[in-house]
Protein backbone atom coordinates (compact mmCIF):
# COMPACT_ATOMS: atom_id res chain seq x y z
CA MET A 1 -15.82 -13.69 0.22
CA LEU A 2 -14.23 -16.93 1.18
CA ASN A 3 -13.47 -15.69 4.78
CA LYS A 4 -17.03 -14.53 5.15
CA TYR A 5 -19.03 -17.51 3.88
CA ALA A 6 -16.66 -20.61 3.64
CA ARG A 7 -15.13 -20.08 7.09
CA ALA A 8 -18.43 -19.88 8.58
CA PHE A 9 -19.24 -23.06 7.01
CA PHE A 10 -16.32 -25.04 7.98
CA THR A 11 -16.47 -23.71 11.40
CA ARG A 12 -19.68 -25.38 11.79
CA VAL A 13 -18.59 -28.69 10.26
CA LEU A 14 -15.57 -28.69 12.37
CA THR A 15 -16.77 -27.99 15.91
CA PRO A 16 -17.60 -31.46 16.84
CA PHE A 17 -13.94 -32.52 16.01
CA ALA A 18 -12.65 -29.54 17.89
CA ALA A 19 -14.86 -30.50 20.93
CA LEU A 20 -13.30 -34.27 20.44
CA LEU A 21 -9.76 -32.76 20.72
CA LEU A 22 -10.62 -31.00 23.82
CA ARG A 23 -12.00 -33.89 25.39
CA MET A 24 -8.57 -35.53 24.54
CA ARG A 25 -6.80 -32.67 26.46
CA VAL A 26 -5.17 -31.39 22.99
CA THR A 27 -4.61 -27.77 23.20
CA PRO A 28 -5.39 -25.07 20.57
CA ASP A 29 -1.48 -24.15 20.39
CA ALA A 30 -0.64 -27.78 19.80
CA VAL A 31 -3.10 -28.15 16.79
CA THR A 32 -1.60 -24.91 15.47
CA LEU A 33 1.93 -26.18 15.78
CA ILE A 34 1.12 -29.61 14.25
CA GLY A 35 -0.97 -28.00 11.42
CA THR A 36 1.66 -25.95 10.25
CA ALA A 37 4.26 -28.63 10.54
CA GLY A 38 2.02 -30.95 8.50
CA VAL A 39 1.55 -28.02 5.84
CA MET A 40 5.14 -27.49 5.78
CA ALA A 41 6.20 -31.00 5.49
CA GLY A 42 3.71 -31.80 2.69
CA ALA A 43 4.69 -28.78 0.64
CA LEU A 44 8.51 -29.19 1.06
CA ALA A 45 8.58 -32.84 0.43
CA PHE A 46 6.36 -33.31 -2.33
CA TYR A 47 6.18 -29.89 -4.44
CA PRO A 48 9.68 -29.73 -5.22
CA ARG A 49 9.78 -33.32 -6.89
CA GLY A 50 6.64 -32.25 -8.84
CA GLU A 51 4.12 -34.55 -6.84
CA PHE A 52 1.53 -32.08 -6.72
CA PHE A 53 -1.50 -34.34 -6.24
CA TRP A 54 -0.20 -36.10 -2.98
CA GLY A 55 1.40 -32.92 -1.82
CA THR A 56 -1.96 -31.01 -1.88
CA VAL A 57 -3.56 -34.13 -0.14
CA VAL A 58 -1.18 -33.95 2.57
CA ILE A 59 -1.42 -30.10 2.81
CA THR A 60 -5.11 -30.04 2.82
CA LEU A 61 -5.34 -32.71 5.70
CA PHE A 62 -3.29 -30.29 7.72
CA VAL A 63 -4.50 -26.72 6.51
CA PHE A 64 -7.90 -27.19 8.34
CA SER A 65 -6.26 -26.81 11.75
CA ASP A 66 -6.31 -22.94 10.96
CA LEU A 67 -10.08 -23.33 11.65
CA VAL A 68 -9.88 -25.96 14.39
CA ASP A 69 -7.43 -24.43 16.81
CA GLY A 70 -9.57 -21.06 16.98
CA ASN A 71 -12.78 -22.98 17.24
CA MET A 72 -11.17 -24.82 20.08
CA ALA A 73 -10.05 -21.83 21.95
CA ARG A 74 -13.69 -20.09 21.49
CA GLN A 75 -15.18 -23.12 23.11
CA ILE A 76 -13.10 -23.18 26.19
CA GLY A 77 -12.97 -19.40 26.36
CA THR A 78 -9.11 -19.07 25.98
CA SER A 79 -8.69 -16.87 22.90
CA SER A 80 -5.87 -14.76 23.53
CA ARG A 81 -3.35 -12.07 21.89
CA TRP A 82 -0.73 -14.99 22.35
CA GLY A 83 -2.79 -17.20 20.36
CA ALA A 84 -3.72 -14.80 17.64
CA PHE A 85 -0.02 -14.02 17.56
CA LEU A 86 1.06 -17.45 17.05
CA ASP A 87 -1.62 -18.38 14.63
CA SER A 88 -0.85 -15.58 12.30
CA THR A 89 2.99 -16.06 12.47
CA LEU A 90 2.61 -19.69 11.74
CA ASP A 91 0.38 -19.00 8.87
CA ARG A 92 3.03 -16.93 7.00
CA LEU A 93 5.38 -19.95 7.55
CA ALA A 94 2.79 -22.18 6.00
CA ASP A 95 2.26 -20.03 3.14
CA ALA A 96 6.06 -19.45 2.39
CA ALA A 97 6.34 -23.20 2.38
CA ILE A 98 3.70 -23.78 -0.06
CA PHE A 99 4.87 -21.25 -2.54
CA SER A 100 8.57 -21.97 -1.91
CA GLY A 101 7.86 -25.69 -2.86
CA ILE A 102 6.47 -24.73 -6.14
CA ALA A 103 9.14 -22.31 -6.74
CA LEU A 104 11.77 -25.02 -6.18
CA TRP A 105 9.96 -27.34 -8.79
CA TYR A 106 10.19 -24.67 -11.46
CA ALA A 107 13.67 -23.53 -10.69
CA ALA A 108 14.81 -27.24 -10.98
CA ASP A 109 13.11 -30.14 -12.96
CA GLY A 110 10.15 -27.93 -13.93
CA ASP A 111 12.66 -25.93 -15.81
CA ASN A 112 10.76 -22.47 -15.94
CA LEU A 113 12.31 -19.69 -14.46
CA ALA A 114 9.28 -17.33 -15.58
CA LEU A 115 6.99 -19.29 -13.50
CA CYS A 116 9.71 -19.51 -10.66
CA ALA A 117 9.78 -15.83 -10.53
CA VAL A 118 5.60 -15.52 -10.67
CA THR A 119 5.64 -17.90 -7.70
CA LEU A 120 8.13 -16.02 -5.73
CA PHE A 121 6.08 -12.78 -6.40
CA CYS A 122 3.07 -14.76 -5.09
CA LEU A 123 4.91 -15.52 -1.88
CA ALA A 124 6.36 -12.01 -1.20
CA SER A 125 3.16 -10.13 -2.24
CA GLY A 126 1.12 -12.51 0.07
CA GLN A 127 3.42 -11.48 2.96
CA VAL A 128 3.08 -7.98 2.21
CA VAL A 129 -0.63 -8.00 1.90
CA SER A 130 -0.85 -9.47 5.40
CA TYR A 131 1.74 -7.11 6.59
CA THR A 132 -0.18 -3.99 5.48
CA LYS A 133 -3.23 -4.87 7.52
CA ALA A 134 -1.10 -5.85 10.43
CA ARG A 135 0.71 -2.55 10.43
CA GLY A 136 -2.15 -0.51 9.54
CA GLU A 137 -4.07 -1.90 12.72
CA SER A 138 -1.05 -1.46 14.92
CA ILE A 139 -1.27 2.25 14.27
CA GLY A 140 -4.71 2.23 15.30
CA LEU A 141 -6.55 2.16 12.00
CA PRO A 142 -9.37 -0.08 11.10
CA VAL A 143 -8.09 -1.13 7.59
CA LYS A 144 -11.63 -1.73 6.40
CA VAL A 145 -11.34 -3.29 2.96
CA ASN A 146 -12.26 -6.57 1.57
CA GLY A 147 -9.29 -7.34 -0.80
CA LEU A 148 -9.68 -9.07 -4.09
CA VAL A 149 -7.50 -11.94 -3.22
CA GLU A 150 -6.79 -12.40 0.35
CA ARG A 151 -5.10 -15.60 2.35
CA ALA A 152 -8.01 -17.86 1.83
CA GLU A 153 -8.42 -17.09 -1.91
CA ARG A 154 -4.67 -17.56 -2.36
CA LEU A 155 -4.63 -20.99 -0.95
CA VAL A 156 -7.80 -22.31 -2.24
CA ILE A 157 -6.86 -21.08 -5.87
CA THR A 158 -3.46 -22.64 -5.48
CA LEU A 159 -3.99 -25.78 -3.79
CA VAL A 160 -6.95 -26.71 -5.93
CA CYS A 161 -5.07 -26.02 -9.36
CA ALA A 162 -1.88 -27.55 -7.97
CA GLY A 163 -3.89 -30.80 -6.98
CA PHE A 164 -5.60 -31.14 -10.42
CA ALA A 165 -2.29 -30.37 -12.01
CA GLY A 166 -0.77 -33.27 -10.25
CA TRP A 167 -3.29 -35.45 -12.01
CA GLU A 168 -0.91 -35.57 -15.09
CA ARG A 169 1.91 -37.26 -13.28
CA THR A 170 -0.21 -39.39 -10.78
CA PHE A 171 -3.19 -40.44 -13.14
CA ASP A 172 -1.87 -39.78 -16.56
CA VAL A 173 -4.36 -37.24 -17.33
CA PRO A 174 -2.79 -35.02 -20.15
CA HIS A 175 -2.39 -31.24 -20.42
CA ILE A 176 -4.06 -30.75 -17.18
CA ASP A 177 -0.85 -29.34 -15.70
CA ILE A 178 -1.46 -25.99 -17.28
CA LEU A 179 -3.92 -25.63 -14.48
CA LEU A 180 -0.85 -24.53 -11.98
CA PRO A 181 0.66 -21.60 -14.14
CA ILE A 182 -2.84 -20.27 -14.85
CA ALA A 183 -3.42 -20.57 -10.91
CA LEU A 184 -0.13 -18.66 -10.17
CA TRP A 185 -0.60 -15.87 -12.64
CA VAL A 186 -4.33 -15.30 -11.22
CA VAL A 187 -2.86 -15.24 -7.60
CA ALA A 188 -0.02 -12.69 -8.53
CA ALA A 189 -2.37 -10.58 -10.26
CA GLY A 190 -4.94 -10.42 -7.64
CA SER A 191 -2.48 -10.19 -4.73
CA ALA A 192 -1.01 -6.99 -6.55
CA VAL A 193 -4.45 -5.64 -6.70
CA THR A 194 -5.29 -6.62 -3.12
CA LEU A 195 -2.05 -4.65 -2.16
CA VAL A 196 -2.92 -1.57 -3.74
CA GLN A 197 -6.14 -1.78 -2.32
CA ARG A 198 -5.05 -2.03 1.23
CA VAL A 199 -2.30 0.76 0.66
CA VAL A 200 -4.92 3.03 -0.70
CA THR A 201 -7.39 2.32 2.29
CA VAL A 202 -4.63 2.79 4.83
CA ARG A 203 -3.67 6.02 3.14
CA ARG A 204 -7.15 7.14 3.22
CA GLU A 205 -7.93 6.29 6.80
CA SER A 206 -4.54 7.74 8.05
CA ALA A 207 -5.53 11.10 6.50
CA GLU A 208 -8.93 10.88 8.21
CA ALA A 209 -7.48 9.96 11.47
CA ASP A 210 -4.84 12.90 11.24
CA ALA A 211 -7.55 15.33 10.23
CA ALA A 212 -9.88 14.40 12.95
CA GLU A 213 -6.84 14.75 15.38
CA ARG A 214 -6.10 18.23 14.26
CA ARG A 215 -9.75 19.34 14.67
CA ALA A 216 -9.80 17.94 18.29
CA GLN A 217 -6.60 19.64 18.97
CA GLU A 218 -7.91 22.97 17.45
CA GLN A 219 -10.96 22.61 19.63
CA GLY A 220 -9.07 21.70 22.61
CA SER A 221 -6.82 25.06 22.35
CA GLY A 222 -9.55 27.25 21.44
CA PRO A 223 -10.70 30.18 23.84
CA ALA A 224 -12.76 28.90 26.70
CA SER A 225 -16.61 29.80 26.34
């Protein structure tokens, strides 16, 4: 849902900024690299210390690069397989940094191994969810499924709740830190459901493709008319 509606909205909003960067001779690949570096720096510098508000502010400033670089590429007509590959690969690194930063907090000063484990599950399941689609497409399947919690949902739920949870330490708002554990459990459950959805879809589509291929072979080997 977020991919369908929010991405279109922010693409329109960020188009002038993308055009400005192009006039400054900044390349889409440079934006991708800088954005990923900023997200990773924000996550790994702030989250392990429990500074969730400021960490989220830094991450949010850079996370929109994922929309800006593609917008730039479309404006100059240079969308390419390499750009798509680079963007997808660096997205995985950014996601890993965010959840790793949270896991490090719970493993150390946060002192909650259960939430550390949930966070690591969010990290791993998110990577596998992305892999199932990429692998399905690589063997020629469309993988037509709208998962319950895809990358956009994972990031929005986690970052919004992490940012608000950080108000307890930064602004002395009591008990609001409970939002982050809630978010992690929601993302973990949603990612598990999404993984099942994609696996079931790939199984169905592969069975249909194999059946169509067998029918084509049978028709091709039948008696000539």
